[in-house]
Amino acid sequence: MNRILFTEAEVDKGHMIEVSDHRAVHMLKVLHVEVGQLVRIGIINGPIGDAEVVGIDAGQVTLNPVWGDLPLASSLSLLLALPRPKVLKRLWAPLASLGLNKIIITNAEKVERNYFDTHWLEPENYQPLLVAGLVQAGDTLLPEVIIRRRFKPFIEDELDTLIPDSRRLLAHPRTGRHFRDLQPDKNELLLAVGPEGGWSEFEVDLLQHHQFQAVSAGSRILRTDVACVALLTLAGELARIDS
């Protein structure tokens, strides 16, 4: 754990935090904390901070927290055609660790209908994976997850309200400009990544009609989980997530 995270309900500002669950096990068995040592902490969707270990007793760790500021919010969001359920499961934690503002899951012509029946679209199942990604990255801000089964109405009727005045990029291999030729700016950036079979011609035309610029990271066809990480890393440089 690169940052020990707590929910708002677990923390009483100005008071000690007593930890005896898997986080205590990690601190004791992996971090090998000792009294007097500092650990990085945070509140989910809240501030980051540091805490001094002030007590260790029978598997319980007592922390004295000092809270700081909220992390900077990301200006990068993802529009993702729903991948296979086992791929979606693998993606949740990496997507959170990459520092996204919004994750929009949508349909596409080459998405199997039964994919939307997966339990990995249910908050109680994907939320712990998002938190695991935040822990890894040392962040506290959960991305907002939005699920839309109807692609065309979402693009035509909702997108401009949801993410107005954004720079929009459409990942489309062997077409458009290469990521390396694009210039960074500080506008909100929305990256659209299609299914492993690719966007249909209709979907590409619709997205381009709504100000998506086709960009490529090369001619290789990648699996969705690999493509998302690679493309979001490139897009993150354009969005200047860490600035």
Protein backbone atom coordinates (compact mmCIF):
# COMPACT_ATOMS: atom_id res chain seq x y z
CA MET A 1 0.00 0.00 0.00
CA ASN A 2 1.48 3.32 -1.09
CA ARG A 3 -1.17 5.17 0.91
CA ILE A 4 -3.40 3.75 3.67
CA LEU A 5 -6.95 4.86 2.87
CA PHE A 6 -9.92 5.29 5.16
CA THR A 7 -13.55 6.17 4.59
CA GLU A 8 -14.97 9.38 6.03
CA ALA A 9 -16.94 7.32 8.57
CA GLU A 10 -13.77 5.70 9.92
CA VAL A 11 -12.04 8.97 10.74
CA ASP A 12 -12.80 11.50 13.46
CA LYS A 13 -10.67 14.54 12.64
CA GLY A 14 -8.33 15.42 15.47
CA HIS A 15 -8.45 11.93 16.99
CA MET A 16 -6.27 8.86 16.79
CA ILE A 17 -7.07 6.12 14.27
CA GLU A 18 -7.01 2.52 15.48
CA VAL A 19 -6.51 -0.05 12.71
CA SER A 20 -6.83 -3.81 13.16
CA ASP A 21 -7.92 -5.12 9.74
CA HIS A 22 -5.98 -5.97 6.56
CA ARG A 23 -4.43 -2.49 6.60
CA ALA A 24 -2.85 -3.21 9.98
CA VAL A 25 -1.59 -6.55 8.67
CA HIS A 26 0.00 -4.75 5.73
CA MET A 27 1.63 -2.15 7.94
CA LEU A 28 3.01 -4.80 10.28
CA LYS A 29 3.94 -7.58 7.86
CA VAL A 30 4.91 -5.64 4.72
CA LEU A 31 5.89 -2.15 5.86
CA HIS A 32 7.28 -3.46 9.17
CA VAL A 33 6.21 -0.26 10.90
CA GLU A 34 7.54 0.65 14.32
CA VAL A 35 6.41 3.20 16.88
CA GLY A 36 7.52 6.64 15.75
CA GLN A 37 7.42 5.79 12.05
CA LEU A 38 5.38 7.88 9.60
CA VAL A 39 2.95 6.33 7.10
CA ARG A 40 1.06 7.95 4.24
CA ILE A 41 -2.70 8.07 4.73
CA GLY A 42 -5.77 9.55 3.12
CA ILE A 43 -9.56 9.74 3.19
CA ILE A 44 -11.37 8.40 0.13
CA ASN A 45 -12.55 11.47 -1.81
CA GLY A 46 -10.90 13.56 0.88
CA PRO A 47 -7.52 14.93 1.95
CA ILE A 48 -4.19 13.18 2.04
CA GLY A 49 -1.95 13.23 5.08
CA ASP A 50 0.71 11.53 7.16
CA ALA A 51 0.33 9.64 10.39
CA GLU A 52 2.77 8.72 13.12
CA VAL A 53 2.58 5.20 14.47
CA VAL A 54 2.03 5.78 18.20
CA GLY A 55 1.06 2.30 19.28
CA ILE A 56 1.28 -1.37 18.28
CA ASP A 57 -0.59 -3.93 20.34
CA ALA A 58 -1.73 -7.45 19.42
CA GLY A 59 -2.12 -6.73 15.72
CA GLN A 60 -3.64 -3.28 16.20
CA VAL A 61 -1.86 -0.17 14.97
CA THR A 62 -2.70 3.23 16.43
CA LEU A 63 -2.04 6.24 14.22
CA ASN A 64 -1.82 9.94 15.02
CA PRO A 65 -2.87 11.65 11.77
CA VAL A 66 -1.98 15.05 10.39
CA TRP A 67 -4.25 15.96 7.48
CA GLY A 68 -3.22 18.02 4.47
CA ASP A 69 -4.97 19.16 1.31
CA LEU A 70 -7.12 17.47 -1.30
CA PRO A 71 -5.13 16.07 -4.24
CA LEU A 72 -5.49 17.89 -7.54
CA ALA A 73 -8.48 16.66 -9.53
CA SER A 74 -7.70 15.02 -12.85
CA SER A 75 -8.63 16.62 -16.17
CA LEU A 76 -8.62 13.29 -18.03
CA SER A 77 -11.69 11.11 -18.61
CA LEU A 78 -12.28 7.87 -20.50
CA LEU A 79 -15.15 6.83 -22.78
CA LEU A 80 -14.79 3.06 -23.02
CA ALA A 81 -16.79 0.57 -25.07
CA LEU A 82 -17.60 -2.20 -22.60
CA PRO A 83 -14.95 -4.94 -22.81
CA ARG A 84 -15.32 -8.59 -21.87
CA PRO A 85 -16.22 -8.96 -18.18
CA LYS A 86 -12.90 -10.54 -17.17
CA VAL A 87 -11.06 -7.70 -18.92
CA LEU A 88 -13.25 -5.10 -17.21
CA LYS A 89 -12.41 -6.66 -13.85
CA ARG A 90 -8.69 -6.35 -14.63
CA LEU A 91 -9.12 -2.73 -15.72
CA TRP A 92 -10.82 -1.13 -12.72
CA ALA A 93 -7.75 -0.83 -10.49
CA PRO A 94 -5.36 0.39 -13.23
CA LEU A 95 -7.90 2.97 -14.42
CA ALA A 96 -8.18 4.41 -10.91
CA SER A 97 -4.41 4.40 -10.47
CA LEU A 98 -3.98 6.42 -13.67
CA GLY A 99 -5.93 9.30 -12.16
CA LEU A 100 -9.15 9.66 -14.13
CA ASN A 101 -11.94 12.13 -13.50
CA LYS A 102 -14.71 10.09 -15.15
CA ILE A 103 -14.98 6.55 -16.52
CA ILE A 104 -17.88 6.30 -18.96
CA ILE A 105 -18.78 2.75 -19.97
CA THR A 106 -20.89 2.54 -23.11
CA ASN A 107 -22.15 0.17 -25.76
CA ALA A 108 -20.82 -0.31 -29.29
CA GLU A 109 -21.75 -2.36 -32.32
CA LYS A 110 -19.08 -4.95 -31.58
CA VAL A 111 -19.89 -5.29 -27.86
CA GLU A 112 -21.72 -8.51 -27.01
CA ARG A 113 -25.14 -7.81 -25.46
CA ASN A 114 -24.58 -10.16 -22.52
CA TYR A 115 -21.53 -8.17 -21.39
CA PHE A 116 -23.91 -5.72 -19.69
CA ASP A 117 -25.13 -8.52 -17.44
CA THR A 118 -21.76 -8.75 -15.69
CA HIS A 119 -21.61 -8.13 -11.94
CA TRP A 120 -18.42 -6.13 -12.57
CA LEU A 121 -20.66 -3.21 -13.51
CA GLU A 122 -22.17 -3.16 -10.02
CA PRO A 123 -20.69 -0.55 -7.63
CA GLU A 124 -20.31 -3.01 -4.74
CA ASN A 125 -18.02 -5.10 -6.94
CA TYR A 126 -15.96 -2.49 -8.79
CA GLN A 127 -15.63 0.05 -5.95
CA PRO A 128 -13.09 -2.02 -3.95
CA LEU A 129 -11.01 -2.41 -7.11
CA LEU A 130 -11.05 1.34 -7.70
CA VAL A 131 -9.94 1.88 -4.11
CA ALA A 132 -7.12 -0.63 -4.61
CA GLY A 133 -5.97 1.44 -7.58
CA LEU A 134 -5.99 4.61 -5.49
CA VAL A 135 -4.00 2.89 -2.76
CA GLN A 136 -1.39 1.85 -5.30
CA ALA A 137 -1.14 5.33 -6.80
CA GLY A 138 -1.23 7.17 -3.48
CA ASP A 139 -4.35 9.10 -4.52
CA THR A 140 -7.69 9.57 -2.75
CA LEU A 141 -10.06 10.80 -5.49
CA LEU A 142 -12.28 8.10 -6.94
CA PRO A 143 -13.22 8.50 -10.60
CA GLU A 144 -16.91 8.97 -11.28
CA VAL A 145 -18.30 5.89 -13.03
CA ILE A 146 -21.09 6.42 -15.57
CA ILE A 147 -22.71 3.51 -17.43
CA ARG A 148 -24.73 4.12 -20.59
CA ARG A 149 -26.12 1.21 -22.61
CA ARG A 150 -27.28 3.40 -25.52
CA PHE A 151 -24.30 4.83 -27.37
CA LYS A 152 -25.94 7.15 -29.90
CA PRO A 153 -28.35 8.94 -27.50
CA PHE A 154 -25.53 9.40 -25.00
CA ILE A 155 -23.22 11.01 -27.55
CA GLU A 156 -25.95 13.17 -29.07
CA ASP A 157 -27.91 14.19 -25.97
CA GLU A 158 -25.75 13.92 -22.85
CA LEU A 159 -22.07 14.25 -23.62
CA ASP A 160 -21.95 18.02 -24.16
CA THR A 161 -23.63 18.61 -20.80
CA LEU A 162 -21.60 16.03 -18.93
CA ILE A 163 -18.20 17.14 -20.20
CA PRO A 164 -18.56 20.56 -21.88
CA ASP A 165 -15.74 22.36 -23.68
CA SER A 166 -13.50 19.31 -23.65
CA ARG A 167 -10.74 18.23 -25.97
CA ARG A 168 -11.94 14.93 -27.45
CA LEU A 169 -9.68 12.22 -28.85
CA LEU A 170 -10.79 9.05 -30.62
CA ALA A 171 -8.31 6.18 -30.43
CA HIS A 172 -8.33 4.67 -33.89
CA PRO A 173 -5.30 2.67 -35.11
CA ARG A 174 -3.83 3.36 -38.55
CA THR A 175 -5.70 6.63 -38.91
CA GLY A 176 -5.54 10.20 -37.73
CA ARG A 177 -2.57 11.99 -36.20
CA HIS A 178 -0.13 10.25 -33.91
CA PHE A 179 -0.19 11.12 -30.22
CA ARG A 180 3.39 12.38 -30.47
CA ASP A 181 2.25 15.11 -32.91
CA LEU A 182 -0.34 16.57 -30.54
CA GLN A 183 0.31 19.55 -28.29
CA PRO A 184 -0.63 19.49 -24.59
CA ASP A 185 -3.13 21.89 -23.13
CA LYS A 186 -5.03 22.29 -19.87
CA ASN A 187 -8.52 21.66 -21.16
CA GLU A 188 -10.52 18.69 -19.95
CA LEU A 189 -9.55 15.74 -22.15
CA LEU A 190 -11.86 12.87 -23.05
CA LEU A 191 -10.37 9.78 -24.68
CA ALA A 192 -12.65 7.31 -26.50
CA VAL A 193 -11.41 3.70 -26.67
CA GLY A 194 -13.42 1.17 -28.63
CA PRO A 195 -13.98 -2.58 -28.33
CA GLU A 196 -11.31 -5.06 -29.38
CA GLY A 197 -13.06 -5.40 -32.75
CA GLY A 198 -12.82 -1.64 -33.21
CA TRP A 199 -15.40 1.11 -33.65
CA SER A 200 -17.80 0.72 -36.59
CA GLU A 201 -17.76 3.28 -39.40
CA PHE A 202 -21.03 4.70 -38.10
CA GLU A 203 -19.57 5.12 -34.59
CA VAL A 204 -16.41 6.77 -35.91
CA ASP A 205 -18.49 9.19 -38.02
CA LEU A 206 -20.75 9.99 -35.05
CA LEU A 207 -17.84 10.63 -32.71
CA GLN A 208 -16.04 12.80 -35.25
CA HIS A 209 -19.25 14.74 -35.83
CA HIS A 210 -19.17 15.51 -32.11
CA GLN A 211 -15.65 16.95 -32.17
CA PHE A 212 -13.61 13.80 -31.54
CA GLN A 213 -10.26 13.90 -33.31
CA ALA A 214 -8.94 10.52 -34.49
CA VAL A 215 -5.49 9.76 -33.09
CA SER A 216 -3.22 6.76 -33.23
CA ALA A 217 -0.46 5.29 -31.11
CA GLY A 218 0.74 3.11 -33.98
CA SER A 219 -0.47 0.31 -36.19
CA ARG A 220 -0.47 -2.49 -33.62
CA ILE A 221 -3.84 -3.88 -32.53
CA LEU A 222 -3.85 -4.20 -28.75
CA ARG A 223 -6.12 -5.90 -26.24
CA THR A 224 -8.45 -3.49 -24.48
CA ASP A 225 -6.65 -3.67 -21.14
CA VAL A 226 -3.25 -3.05 -22.75
CA ALA A 227 -4.60 -0.35 -25.06
CA CYS A 228 -6.30 1.56 -22.24
CA VAL A 229 -3.18 1.78 -20.11
CA ALA A 230 -0.96 2.73 -23.06
CA LEU A 231 -3.36 5.28 -24.53
CA LEU A 232 -4.27 6.87 -21.20
CA THR A 233 -0.58 7.26 -20.38
CA LEU A 234 -0.09 9.16 -23.63
CA ALA A 235 -3.29 11.16 -23.13
CA GLY A 236 -2.24 11.97 -19.57
CA GLU A 237 0.82 13.76 -20.90
CA LEU A 238 -1.45 15.92 -23.05
CA ALA A 239 -3.83 16.61 -20.17
CA ARG A 240 -0.94 17.33 -17.79
CA ILE A 241 -2.54 15.35 -14.97
CA ASP A 242 0.30 16.04 -12.57
CA SER A 243 0.62 19.77 -13.23
